[in-house]
Amino acid sequence: MTQSNDRLVGNSFRPGYRFQRYWDTSMALAFFFAEVGAGLFVVSLFLDLVPGMVLGLALAATLKPYFHLAHMGVPKKSWRAIARPDRSWVSRGAIAVGVLVATGALHILAQTVGVGLPPGVAAAIRYAALAAGIVVMCYQGFAMSASEAFALWASPLLPVASFLYASTAGVLLASIIGALAGHGPALAPGLIALLLVADLAVVAGILVAARRKSKGGAFSAELLLKGRYVRDFVGGALGVGLVLPLVAVVAGGDGLVLRIGAALAMLIGFFAFRLLMLRAAVYEPITHELAASIGLPARS
């Protein structure tokens, strides 16, 4: 048994580390499809790439709510997800998804069917869709970083990671869809490479911040870098998801086949990152210092 496993105590009353398991695979999938869909929609909006906007909106409008409802388990009460925008990033995100779907669909109709809208109204719809898309790209990170219970999550870099990962997925997918649709030149490989390097830097920053924040944060980082999740995190999220696409993009330039391979690898790594950030989060162990900080008597 490894040292990490020795310190995992499950549901027992022994001092040690306990995983959070309320948010797991279904929520990771909901976050993943929201970010990928919104990222693709926003990038395609800038490029006036209608097929990309349609696919991005479809991902955010269908798979994100499906997996969120699968997590909740009580679909009839799903309306409560929008009931607390004053205090919950989950509520703000749900509202943003609704605004994105409504305004995004109107913008796509105006672009394809030729719905006659006054220029001011059309511009307002476009900007509302853009703003809602950016919120959907980021809100998962805000929802996680708002929780001080887990040092791995409690970082201002989480929303940055959400935005950068969503942007990277959106740029890669939009470049492929644009090339297949004959929509102008492919997006510059340098831009994609820069986004992949930025993703890697932010992930490193999250781990460094977690290690410095608390014992629980250091333990979560250890699980990802040396413990039970090292293969999936270092090999999957970082190696397959960031390093391999970076090499493919740099080596292949505008080559479509390598670009498709880079996109698939990046998406696999992105989901691994999303899932492992949930699974590696642990509650702080009860110590004398923690007991004193929450008002409990700290025995010597």
C-alpha atoms as a PDB file:
ATOM      1  CA  MET A   1       0.000   0.000   0.000  1.00  0.00           C
ATOM      2  CA  THR A   2       1.376   3.402  -0.989  1.00  0.00           C
ATOM      3  CA  GLN A   3       1.778   6.335   1.331  1.00  0.00           C
ATOM      4  CA  SER A   4      -1.080   8.108  -0.492  1.00  0.00           C
ATOM      5  CA  ASN A   5      -3.426   5.176   0.097  1.00  0.00           C
ATOM      6  CA  ASP A   6      -2.432   5.102   3.769  1.00  0.00           C
ATOM      7  CA  ARG A   7      -3.775   8.637   4.143  1.00  0.00           C
ATOM      8  CA  LEU A   8      -7.108   7.963   2.399  1.00  0.00           C
ATOM      9  CA  VAL A   9      -9.642   7.078   5.075  1.00  0.00           C
ATOM     10  CA  GLY A  10     -12.911   6.847   3.138  1.00  0.00           C
ATOM     11  CA  ASN A  11     -15.955   7.065   5.422  1.00  0.00           C
ATOM     12  CA  SER A  12     -14.129   6.052   8.569  1.00  0.00           C
ATOM     13  CA  PHE A  13     -13.556   8.376  11.508  1.00  0.00           C
ATOM     14  CA  ARG A  14      -9.775   8.171  11.287  1.00  0.00           C
ATOM     15  CA  PRO A  15      -7.836  11.371  10.545  1.00  0.00           C
ATOM     16  CA  GLY A  16      -6.941  11.600   6.873  1.00  0.00           C
ATOM     17  CA  TYR A  17      -8.193  12.582   3.440  1.00  0.00           C
ATOM     18  CA  ARG A  18     -11.661  11.976   2.004  1.00  0.00           C
ATOM     19  CA  PHE A  19     -12.651  12.382  -1.646  1.00  0.00           C
ATOM     20  CA  GLN A  20     -15.612  14.414  -2.776  1.00  0.00           C
ATOM     21  CA  ARG A  21     -17.820  12.241  -4.972  1.00  0.00           C
ATOM     22  CA  TYR A  22     -20.930  14.395  -5.378  1.00  0.00           C
ATOM     23  CA  TRP A  23     -19.611  15.771  -8.678  1.00  0.00           C
ATOM     24  CA  ASP A  24     -18.221  12.958 -10.802  1.00  0.00           C
ATOM     25  CA  THR A  25     -18.517  11.623 -14.359  1.00  0.00           C
ATOM     26  CA  SER A  26     -21.925  13.059 -15.289  1.00  0.00           C
ATOM     27  CA  MET A  27     -20.936  16.550 -14.147  1.00  0.00           C
ATOM     28  CA  ALA A  28     -17.568  16.267 -15.882  1.00  0.00           C
ATOM     29  CA  LEU A  29     -19.414  15.438 -19.108  1.00  0.00           C
ATOM     30  CA  ALA A  30     -21.852  18.325 -18.591  1.00  0.00           C
ATOM     31  CA  PHE A  31     -19.001  20.784 -18.028  1.00  0.00           C
ATOM     32  CA  PHE A  32     -17.025  19.347 -20.943  1.00  0.00           C
ATOM     33  CA  PHE A  33     -19.815  19.626 -23.519  1.00  0.00           C
ATOM     34  CA  ALA A  34     -20.806  23.081 -22.294  1.00  0.00           C
ATOM     35  CA  GLU A  35     -17.270  24.378 -22.720  1.00  0.00           C
ATOM     36  CA  VAL A  36     -16.590  22.654 -26.046  1.00  0.00           C
ATOM     37  CA  GLY A  37     -19.945  23.714 -27.479  1.00  0.00           C
ATOM     38  CA  ALA A  38     -19.699  27.309 -26.299  1.00  0.00           C
ATOM     39  CA  GLY A  39     -16.065  27.577 -27.393  1.00  0.00           C
ATOM     40  CA  LEU A  40     -16.881  26.295 -30.880  1.00  0.00           C
ATOM     41  CA  PHE A  41     -19.884  28.616 -31.145  1.00  0.00           C
ATOM     42  CA  VAL A  42     -17.945  31.721 -30.084  1.00  0.00           C
ATOM     43  CA  VAL A  43     -15.000  31.041 -32.409  1.00  0.00           C
ATOM     44  CA  SER A  44     -17.377  30.251 -35.288  1.00  0.00           C
ATOM     45  CA  LEU A  45     -19.305  33.444 -34.561  1.00  0.00           C
ATOM     46  CA  PHE A  46     -16.140  35.479 -35.070  1.00  0.00           C
ATOM     47  CA  LEU A  47     -15.446  33.590 -38.309  1.00  0.00           C
ATOM     48  CA  ASP A  48     -19.082  33.694 -39.544  1.00  0.00           C
ATOM     49  CA  LEU A  49     -18.828  29.915 -39.835  1.00  0.00           C
ATOM     50  CA  VAL A  50     -22.438  28.735 -39.731  1.00  0.00           C
ATOM     51  CA  PRO A  51     -21.784  24.942 -39.527  1.00  0.00           C
ATOM     52  CA  GLY A  52     -19.517  25.547 -36.531  1.00  0.00           C
ATOM     53  CA  MET A  53     -22.134  27.698 -34.826  1.00  0.00           C
ATOM     54  CA  VAL A  54     -24.804  25.037 -35.408  1.00  0.00           C
ATOM     55  CA  LEU A  55     -22.654  22.217 -34.011  1.00  0.00           C
ATOM     56  CA  GLY A  56     -21.462  24.267 -31.040  1.00  0.00           C
ATOM     57  CA  LEU A  57     -24.983  25.334 -30.160  1.00  0.00           C
ATOM     58  CA  ALA A  58     -26.244  21.765 -30.504  1.00  0.00           C
ATOM     59  CA  LEU A  59     -23.591  20.470 -28.069  1.00  0.00           C
ATOM     60  CA  ALA A  60     -24.319  23.151 -25.474  1.00  0.00           C
ATOM     61  CA  ALA A  61     -28.106  22.887 -25.870  1.00  0.00           C
ATOM     62  CA  THR A  62     -28.460  19.093 -25.726  1.00  0.00           C
ATOM     63  CA  LEU A  63     -25.568  17.170 -24.169  1.00  0.00           C
ATOM     64  CA  LYS A  64     -24.792  19.724 -21.467  1.00  0.00           C
ATOM     65  CA  PRO A  65     -28.376  19.721 -20.038  1.00  0.00           C
ATOM     66  CA  TYR A  66     -28.690  15.946 -20.535  1.00  0.00           C
ATOM     67  CA  PHE A  67     -25.687  15.091 -18.400  1.00  0.00           C
ATOM     68  CA  HIS A  68     -26.539  17.786 -15.863  1.00  0.00           C
ATOM     69  CA  LEU A  69     -30.006  16.275 -15.456  1.00  0.00           C
ATOM     70  CA  ALA A  70     -28.455  12.804 -15.262  1.00  0.00           C
ATOM     71  CA  HIS A  71     -26.438  14.064 -12.303  1.00  0.00           C
ATOM     72  CA  MET A  72     -29.408  15.686 -10.578  1.00  0.00           C
ATOM     73  CA  GLY A  73     -31.654  12.639 -10.952  1.00  0.00           C
ATOM     74  CA  VAL A  74     -34.851  14.704 -10.455  1.00  0.00           C
ATOM     75  CA  PRO A  75     -35.695  16.312 -13.828  1.00  0.00           C
ATOM     76  CA  LYS A  76     -38.991  17.791 -12.561  1.00  0.00           C
ATOM     77  CA  LYS A  77     -37.014  19.965 -10.156  1.00  0.00           C
ATOM     78  CA  SER A  78     -34.455  21.086 -12.714  1.00  0.00           C
ATOM     79  CA  TRP A  79     -36.049  24.548 -12.867  1.00  0.00           C
ATOM     80  CA  ARG A  80     -34.453  25.218  -9.481  1.00  0.00           C
ATOM     81  CA  ALA A  81     -31.082  25.386 -11.241  1.00  0.00           C
ATOM     82  CA  ILE A  82     -31.908  28.955 -12.327  1.00  0.00           C
ATOM     83  CA  ALA A  83     -33.498  30.038  -9.049  1.00  0.00           C
ATOM     84  CA  ARG A  84     -30.412  31.494  -7.308  1.00  0.00           C
ATOM     85  CA  PRO A  85     -28.407  33.630  -9.751  1.00  0.00           C
ATOM     86  CA  ASP A  86     -27.587  36.009  -6.892  1.00  0.00           C
ATOM     87  CA  ARG A  87     -25.558  33.376  -5.056  1.00  0.00           C
ATOM     88  CA  SER A  88     -24.838  30.454  -7.391  1.00  0.00           C
ATOM     89  CA  TRP A  89     -22.636  30.149 -10.449  1.00  0.00           C
ATOM     90  CA  VAL A  90     -24.609  27.049 -11.399  1.00  0.00           C
ATOM     91  CA  SER A  91     -27.729  29.234 -11.685  1.00  0.00           C
ATOM     92  CA  ARG A  92     -25.864  31.901 -13.637  1.00  0.00           C
ATOM     93  CA  GLY A  93     -24.474  29.264 -15.950  1.00  0.00           C
ATOM     94  CA  ALA A  94     -27.896  27.698 -16.544  1.00  0.00           C
ATOM     95  CA  ILE A  95     -29.327  31.116 -17.419  1.00  0.00           C
ATOM     96  CA  ALA A  96     -26.362  31.796 -19.717  1.00  0.00           C
ATOM     97  CA  VAL A  97     -26.973  28.485 -21.528  1.00  0.00           C
ATOM     98  CA  GLY A  98     -30.610  29.478 -22.055  1.00  0.00           C
ATOM     99  CA  VAL A  99     -29.645  32.902 -23.395  1.00  0.00           C
ATOM    100  CA  LEU A 100     -26.987  31.333 -25.628  1.00  0.00           C
ATOM    101  CA  VAL A 101     -29.455  28.857 -27.132  1.00  0.00           C
ATOM    102  CA  ALA A 102     -32.131  31.492 -27.753  1.00  0.00           C
ATOM    103  CA  THR A 103     -29.944  34.257 -29.167  1.00  0.00           C
ATOM    104  CA  GLY A 104     -27.619  31.822 -30.944  1.00  0.00           C
ATOM    105  CA  ALA A 105     -30.534  30.178 -32.732  1.00  0.00           C
ATOM    106  CA  LEU A 106     -31.914  33.580 -33.775  1.00  0.00           C
ATOM    107  CA  HIS A 107     -28.511  34.644 -35.085  1.00  0.00           C
ATOM    108  CA  ILE A 108     -28.124  31.421 -37.083  1.00  0.00           C
ATOM    109  CA  LEU A 109     -31.614  31.832 -38.559  1.00  0.00           C
ATOM    110  CA  ALA A 110     -30.809  35.393 -39.546  1.00  0.00           C
ATOM    111  CA  GLN A 111     -27.611  34.170 -41.232  1.00  0.00           C
ATOM    112  CA  THR A 112     -29.164  31.222 -43.074  1.00  0.00           C
ATOM    113  CA  VAL A 113     -32.873  31.800 -43.659  1.00  0.00           C
ATOM    114  CA  GLY A 114     -32.516  35.544 -44.046  1.00  0.00           C
ATOM    115  CA  VAL A 115     -34.897  36.581 -41.286  1.00  0.00           C
ATOM    116  CA  GLY A 116     -35.440  40.282 -41.782  1.00  0.00           C
ATOM    117  CA  LEU A 117     -34.192  41.990 -38.615  1.00  0.00           C
ATOM    118  CA  PRO A 118     -33.367  45.663 -38.195  1.00  0.00           C
ATOM    119  CA  PRO A 119     -29.564  46.130 -38.105  1.00  0.00           C
ATOM    120  CA  GLY A 120     -29.640  47.273 -34.477  1.00  0.00           C
ATOM    121  CA  VAL A 121     -31.659  44.242 -33.373  1.00  0.00           C
ATOM    122  CA  ALA A 122     -29.432  41.841 -35.326  1.00  0.00           C
ATOM    123  CA  ALA A 123     -26.319  43.351 -33.738  1.00  0.00           C
ATOM    124  CA  ALA A 124     -27.858  43.145 -30.257  1.00  0.00           C
ATOM    125  CA  ILE A 125     -28.694  39.465 -30.763  1.00  0.00           C
ATOM    126  CA  ARG A 126     -25.155  38.760 -32.007  1.00  0.00           C
ATOM    127  CA  TYR A 127     -23.537  40.473 -29.015  1.00  0.00           C
ATOM    128  CA  ALA A 128     -25.924  38.797 -26.563  1.00  0.00           C
ATOM    129  CA  ALA A 129     -25.030  35.394 -28.027  1.00  0.00           C
ATOM    130  CA  LEU A 130     -21.333  36.244 -27.816  1.00  0.00           C
ATOM    131  CA  ALA A 131     -21.601  37.376 -24.179  1.00  0.00           C
ATOM    132  CA  ALA A 132     -23.646  34.323 -23.167  1.00  0.00           C
ATOM    133  CA  GLY A 133     -21.183  32.040 -24.948  1.00  0.00           C
ATOM    134  CA  ILE A 134     -18.236  33.518 -23.057  1.00  0.00           C
ATOM    135  CA  VAL A 135     -20.070  33.083 -19.742  1.00  0.00           C
ATOM    136  CA  VAL A 136     -20.786  29.418 -20.563  1.00  0.00           C
ATOM    137  CA  MET A 137     -17.109  28.937 -21.452  1.00  0.00           C
ATOM    138  CA  CYS A 138     -16.058  30.223 -18.011  1.00  0.00           C
ATOM    139  CA  TYR A 139     -18.778  29.489 -15.486  1.00  0.00           C
ATOM    140  CA  GLN A 140     -17.704  25.921 -14.693  1.00  0.00           C
ATOM    141  CA  GLY A 141     -14.424  27.316 -13.396  1.00  0.00           C
ATOM    142  CA  PHE A 142     -16.210  29.953 -11.338  1.00  0.00           C
ATOM    143  CA  ALA A 143     -18.568  27.333  -9.876  1.00  0.00           C
ATOM    144  CA  MET A 144     -15.630  25.178  -8.784  1.00  0.00           C
ATOM    145  CA  SER A 145     -13.369  27.980  -7.543  1.00  0.00           C
ATOM    146  CA  ALA A 146     -16.175  29.321  -5.340  1.00  0.00           C
ATOM    147  CA  SER A 147     -15.827  26.221  -3.149  1.00  0.00           C
ATOM    148  CA  GLU A 148     -13.264  26.713  -0.396  1.00  0.00           C
ATOM    149  CA  ALA A 149     -13.771  23.124   0.764  1.00  0.00           C
ATOM    150  CA  PHE A 150     -11.277  21.853  -1.824  1.00  0.00           C
ATOM    151  CA  ALA A 151      -7.915  23.539  -2.200  1.00  0.00           C
ATOM    152  CA  LEU A 152      -7.492  22.038  -5.678  1.00  0.00           C
ATOM    153  CA  TRP A 153     -10.525  24.021  -6.862  1.00  0.00           C
ATOM    154  CA  ALA A 154     -10.210  27.197  -4.802  1.00  0.00           C
ATOM    155  CA  SER A 155      -8.090  29.087  -7.311  1.00  0.00           C
ATOM    156  CA  PRO A 156      -8.780  32.064  -9.595  1.00  0.00           C
ATOM    157  CA  LEU A 157      -7.013  30.069 -12.308  1.00  0.00           C
ATOM    158  CA  LEU A 158      -9.957  27.647 -12.636  1.00  0.00           C
ATOM    159  CA  PRO A 159     -12.106  30.056 -14.710  1.00  0.00           C
ATOM    160  CA  VAL A 160      -9.028  30.915 -16.776  1.00  0.00           C
ATOM    161  CA  ALA A 161      -8.465  27.204 -17.461  1.00  0.00           C
ATOM    162  CA  SER A 162     -12.113  26.812 -18.475  1.00  0.00           C
ATOM    163  CA  PHE A 163     -11.892  29.721 -20.917  1.00  0.00           C
ATOM    164  CA  LEU A 164      -8.572  28.632 -22.409  1.00  0.00           C
ATOM    165  CA  TYR A 165      -9.552  24.981 -22.813  1.00  0.00           C
ATOM    166  CA  ALA A 166     -12.879  25.987 -24.396  1.00  0.00           C
ATOM    167  CA  SER A 167     -11.080  28.417 -26.709  1.00  0.00           C
ATOM    168  CA  THR A 168      -8.528  25.785 -27.725  1.00  0.00           C
ATOM    169  CA  ALA A 169     -11.245  23.231 -28.498  1.00  0.00           C
ATOM    170  CA  GLY A 170     -13.236  25.860 -30.383  1.00  0.00           C
ATOM    171  CA  VAL A 171     -10.294  27.009 -32.501  1.00  0.00           C
ATOM    172  CA  LEU A 172      -9.219  23.454 -33.373  1.00  0.00           C
ATOM    173  CA  LEU A 173     -12.729  22.307 -34.284  1.00  0.00           C
ATOM    174  CA  ALA A 174     -13.574  25.497 -36.173  1.00  0.00           C
ATOM    175  CA  SER A 175     -10.374  25.203 -38.203  1.00  0.00           C
ATOM    176  CA  ILE A 176     -11.349  21.666 -39.240  1.00  0.00           C
ATOM    177  CA  ILE A 177     -14.977  22.526 -40.000  1.00  0.00           C
ATOM    178  CA  GLY A 178     -13.890  25.598 -41.946  1.00  0.00           C
ATOM    179  CA  ALA A 179     -11.440  23.581 -44.015  1.00  0.00           C
ATOM    180  CA  LEU A 180     -14.032  20.883 -44.766  1.00  0.00           C
ATOM    181  CA  ALA A 181     -16.619  23.521 -45.673  1.00  0.00           C
ATOM    182  CA  GLY A 182     -14.188  25.454 -47.852  1.00  0.00           C
ATOM    183  CA  HIS A 183     -14.563  28.477 -45.580  1.00  0.00           C
ATOM    184  CA  GLY A 184     -11.383  30.415 -46.257  1.00  0.00           C
ATOM    185  CA  PRO A 185      -7.870  29.585 -44.974  1.00  0.00           C
ATOM    186  CA  ALA A 186      -7.297  27.410 -41.933  1.00  0.00           C
ATOM    187  CA  LEU A 187      -6.607  29.152 -38.640  1.00  0.00           C
ATOM    188  CA  ALA A 188      -2.905  29.773 -38.094  1.00  0.00           C
ATOM    189  CA  PRO A 189      -1.043  26.871 -36.452  1.00  0.00           C
ATOM    190  CA  GLY A 190       0.783  29.431 -34.334  1.00  0.00           C
ATOM    191  CA  LEU A 191      -2.478  30.491 -32.658  1.00  0.00           C
ATOM    192  CA  ILE A 192      -3.382  26.884 -31.823  1.00  0.00           C
ATOM    193  CA  ALA A 193       0.124  26.197 -30.507  1.00  0.00           C
ATOM    194  CA  LEU A 194      -0.039  29.329 -28.339  1.00  0.00           C
ATOM    195  CA  LEU A 195      -3.358  28.233 -26.843  1.00  0.00           C
ATOM    196  CA  LEU A 196      -2.019  24.744 -26.073  1.00  0.00           C
ATOM    197  CA  VAL A 197       1.043  26.212 -24.327  1.00  0.00           C
ATOM    198  CA  ALA A 198      -1.243  28.554 -22.357  1.00  0.00           C
ATOM    199  CA  ASP A 199      -3.389  25.571 -21.289  1.00  0.00           C
ATOM    200  CA  LEU A 200      -0.300  23.759 -20.051  1.00  0.00           C
ATOM    201  CA  ALA A 201       0.922  26.819 -18.135  1.00  0.00           C
ATOM    202  CA  VAL A 202      -2.428  27.375 -16.417  1.00  0.00           C
ATOM    203  CA  VAL A 203      -2.727  23.710 -15.397  1.00  0.00           C
ATOM    204  CA  ALA A 204       0.759  23.923 -13.893  1.00  0.00           C
ATOM    205  CA  GLY A 205      -0.278  27.100 -12.072  1.00  0.00           C
ATOM    206  CA  ILE A 206      -3.347  25.384 -10.609  1.00  0.00           C
ATOM    207  CA  LEU A 207      -1.226  22.554  -9.214  1.00  0.00           C
ATOM    208  CA  VAL A 208       1.429  24.897  -7.801  1.00  0.00           C
ATOM    209  CA  ALA A 209      -1.251  27.028  -6.132  1.00  0.00           C
ATOM    210  CA  ALA A 210      -2.961  23.943  -4.667  1.00  0.00           C
ATOM    211  CA  ARG A 211       0.299  22.608  -3.226  1.00  0.00           C
ATOM    212  CA  ARG A 212       1.011  25.920  -1.540  1.00  0.00           C
ATOM    213  CA  LYS A 213      -2.508  26.491  -0.262  1.00  0.00           C
ATOM    214  CA  SER A 214      -2.970  23.622   2.182  1.00  0.00           C
ATOM    215  CA  LYS A 215      -2.210  20.023   3.058  1.00  0.00           C
ATOM    216  CA  GLY A 216      -5.290  18.893   1.183  1.00  0.00           C
ATOM    217  CA  GLY A 217      -4.220  20.796  -1.915  1.00  0.00           C
ATOM    218  CA  ALA A 218      -0.744  19.275  -1.747  1.00  0.00           C
ATOM    219  CA  PHE A 219      -2.285  15.820  -1.404  1.00  0.00           C
ATOM    220  CA  SER A 220      -4.535  16.385  -4.451  1.00  0.00           C
ATOM    221  CA  ALA A 221      -1.543  17.524  -6.494  1.00  0.00           C
ATOM    222  CA  GLU A 222       0.369  14.445  -5.353  1.00  0.00           C
ATOM    223  CA  LEU A 223      -2.488  12.189  -6.481  1.00  0.00           C
ATOM    224  CA  LEU A 224      -2.337  13.751  -9.940  1.00  0.00           C
ATOM    225  CA  LEU A 225       1.433  13.886 -10.334  1.00  0.00           C
ATOM    226  CA  LYS A 226       2.662  10.839  -8.399  1.00  0.00           C
ATOM    227  CA  GLY A 227      -0.282   8.929  -6.978  1.00  0.00           C
ATOM    228  CA  ARG A 228      -3.242   6.914  -8.216  1.00  0.00           C
ATOM    229  CA  TYR A 229      -4.126   9.322 -11.058  1.00  0.00           C
ATOM    230  CA  VAL A 230      -0.632   9.932 -12.422  1.00  0.00           C
ATOM    231  CA  ARG A 231      -1.078   7.811 -15.549  1.00  0.00           C
ATOM    232  CA  ASP A 232      -4.389   9.405 -16.527  1.00  0.00           C
ATOM    233  CA  PHE A 233      -3.296  12.922 -15.645  1.00  0.00           C
ATOM    234  CA  VAL A 234       0.319  13.095 -16.795  1.00  0.00           C
ATOM    235  CA  GLY A 235      -0.076  10.620 -19.627  1.00  0.00           C
ATOM    236  CA  GLY A 236      -3.646  11.480 -20.617  1.00  0.00           C
ATOM    237  CA  ALA A 237      -4.568  15.049 -19.714  1.00  0.00           C
ATOM    238  CA  LEU A 238      -1.090  16.482 -20.265  1.00  0.00           C
ATOM    239  CA  GLY A 239       0.648  14.082 -22.668  1.00  0.00           C
ATOM    240  CA  VAL A 240      -2.203  13.118 -24.983  1.00  0.00           C
ATOM    241  CA  GLY A 241      -4.289  16.231 -24.424  1.00  0.00           C
ATOM    242  CA  LEU A 242      -1.702  19.006 -24.715  1.00  0.00           C
ATOM    243  CA  VAL A 243       1.797  17.850 -25.684  1.00  0.00           C
ATOM    244  CA  LEU A 244       0.729  15.505 -28.511  1.00  0.00           C
ATOM    245  CA  PRO A 245      -1.574  18.083 -30.183  1.00  0.00           C
ATOM    246  CA  LEU A 246       1.157  20.698 -29.839  1.00  0.00           C
ATOM    247  CA  VAL A 247       3.657  18.471 -31.622  1.00  0.00           C
ATOM    248  CA  ALA A 248       1.086  17.556 -34.307  1.00  0.00           C
ATOM    249  CA  VAL A 249       0.158  21.176 -34.994  1.00  0.00           C
ATOM    250  CA  VAL A 250       3.763  22.369 -35.103  1.00  0.00           C
ATOM    251  CA  ALA A 251       4.834  19.469 -37.307  1.00  0.00           C
ATOM    252  CA  GLY A 252       1.783  19.375 -39.552  1.00  0.00           C
ATOM    253  CA  GLY A 253       1.047  23.065 -39.971  1.00  0.00           C
ATOM    254  CA  ASP A 254      -2.142  23.385 -42.025  1.00  0.00           C
ATOM    255  CA  GLY A 255      -2.350  19.628 -42.750  1.00  0.00           C
ATOM    256  CA  LEU A 256      -5.972  18.571 -42.238  1.00  0.00           C
ATOM    257  CA  VAL A 257      -5.280  14.977 -41.171  1.00  0.00           C
ATOM    258  CA  LEU A 258      -2.839  16.005 -38.438  1.00  0.00           C
ATOM    259  CA  ARG A 259      -5.196  18.805 -37.408  1.00  0.00           C
ATOM    260  CA  ILE A 260      -8.031  16.288 -36.957  1.00  0.00           C
ATOM    261  CA  GLY A 261      -5.736  14.026 -34.929  1.00  0.00           C
ATOM    262  CA  ALA A 262      -4.658  16.975 -32.795  1.00  0.00           C
ATOM    263  CA  ALA A 263      -8.293  17.911 -32.140  1.00  0.00           C
ATOM    264  CA  LEU A 264      -9.254  14.376 -31.096  1.00  0.00           C
ATOM    265  CA  ALA A 265      -6.251  14.098 -28.780  1.00  0.00           C
ATOM    266  CA  MET A 266      -6.955  17.514 -27.273  1.00  0.00           C
ATOM    267  CA  LEU A 267     -10.603  16.641 -26.596  1.00  0.00           C
ATOM    268  CA  ILE A 268      -9.610  13.354 -24.927  1.00  0.00           C
ATOM    269  CA  GLY A 269      -7.140  15.196 -22.719  1.00  0.00           C
ATOM    270  CA  PHE A 270      -9.632  17.967 -22.004  1.00  0.00           C
ATOM    271  CA  PHE A 271     -12.192  15.487 -20.702  1.00  0.00           C
ATOM    272  CA  ALA A 272      -9.513  13.708 -18.659  1.00  0.00           C
ATOM    273  CA  PHE A 273      -8.585  17.058 -17.096  1.00  0.00           C
ATOM    274  CA  ARG A 274     -12.234  17.840 -16.321  1.00  0.00           C
ATOM    275  CA  LEU A 275     -12.869  14.441 -14.734  1.00  0.00           C
ATOM    276  CA  LEU A 276      -9.640  14.252 -12.739  1.00  0.00           C
ATOM    277  CA  MET A 277     -10.063  17.753 -11.323  1.00  0.00           C
ATOM    278  CA  LEU A 278     -13.280  16.450  -9.789  1.00  0.00           C
ATOM    279  CA  ARG A 279     -11.939  13.075  -8.675  1.00  0.00           C
ATOM    280  CA  ALA A 280      -8.699  14.316  -7.119  1.00  0.00           C
ATOM    281  CA  ALA A 281     -10.374  16.903  -4.884  1.00  0.00           C
ATOM    282  CA  VAL A 282     -10.190  15.974  -1.192  1.00  0.00           C
ATOM    283  CA  TYR A 283     -11.568  17.496   1.968  1.00  0.00           C
ATOM    284  CA  GLU A 284      -9.006  18.966   4.308  1.00  0.00           C
ATOM    285  CA  PRO A 285      -8.043  16.517   7.082  1.00  0.00           C
ATOM    286  CA  ILE A 286      -9.192  17.407  10.567  1.00  0.00           C
ATOM    287  CA  THR A 287      -6.128  18.764  12.361  1.00  0.00           C
ATOM    288  CA  HIS A 288      -5.622  20.910  15.427  1.00  0.00           C
ATOM    289  CA  GLU A 289      -5.144  23.958  13.216  1.00  0.00           C
ATOM    290  CA  LEU A 290      -8.287  23.296  11.163  1.00  0.00           C
ATOM    291  CA  ALA A 291     -10.340  22.575  14.279  1.00  0.00           C
ATOM    292  CA  ALA A 292      -9.294  25.889  15.795  1.00  0.00           C
ATOM    293  CA  SER A 293     -10.061  27.780  12.562  1.00  0.00           C
ATOM    294  CA  ILE A 294     -13.720  26.626  12.627  1.00  0.00           C
ATOM    295  CA  GLY A 295     -14.213  27.232  16.343  1.00  0.00           C
ATOM    296  CA  LEU A 296     -13.723  23.727  17.718  1.00  0.00           C
ATOM    297  CA  PRO A 297     -11.553  23.172  20.775  1.00  0.00           C
ATOM    298  CA  ALA A 298      -8.017  22.278  19.697  1.00  0.00           C
ATOM    299  CA  ARG A 299      -6.535  19.787  22.104  1.00  0.00           C
ATOM    300  CA  SER A 300      -2.805  19.768  22.703  1.00  0.00           C
END
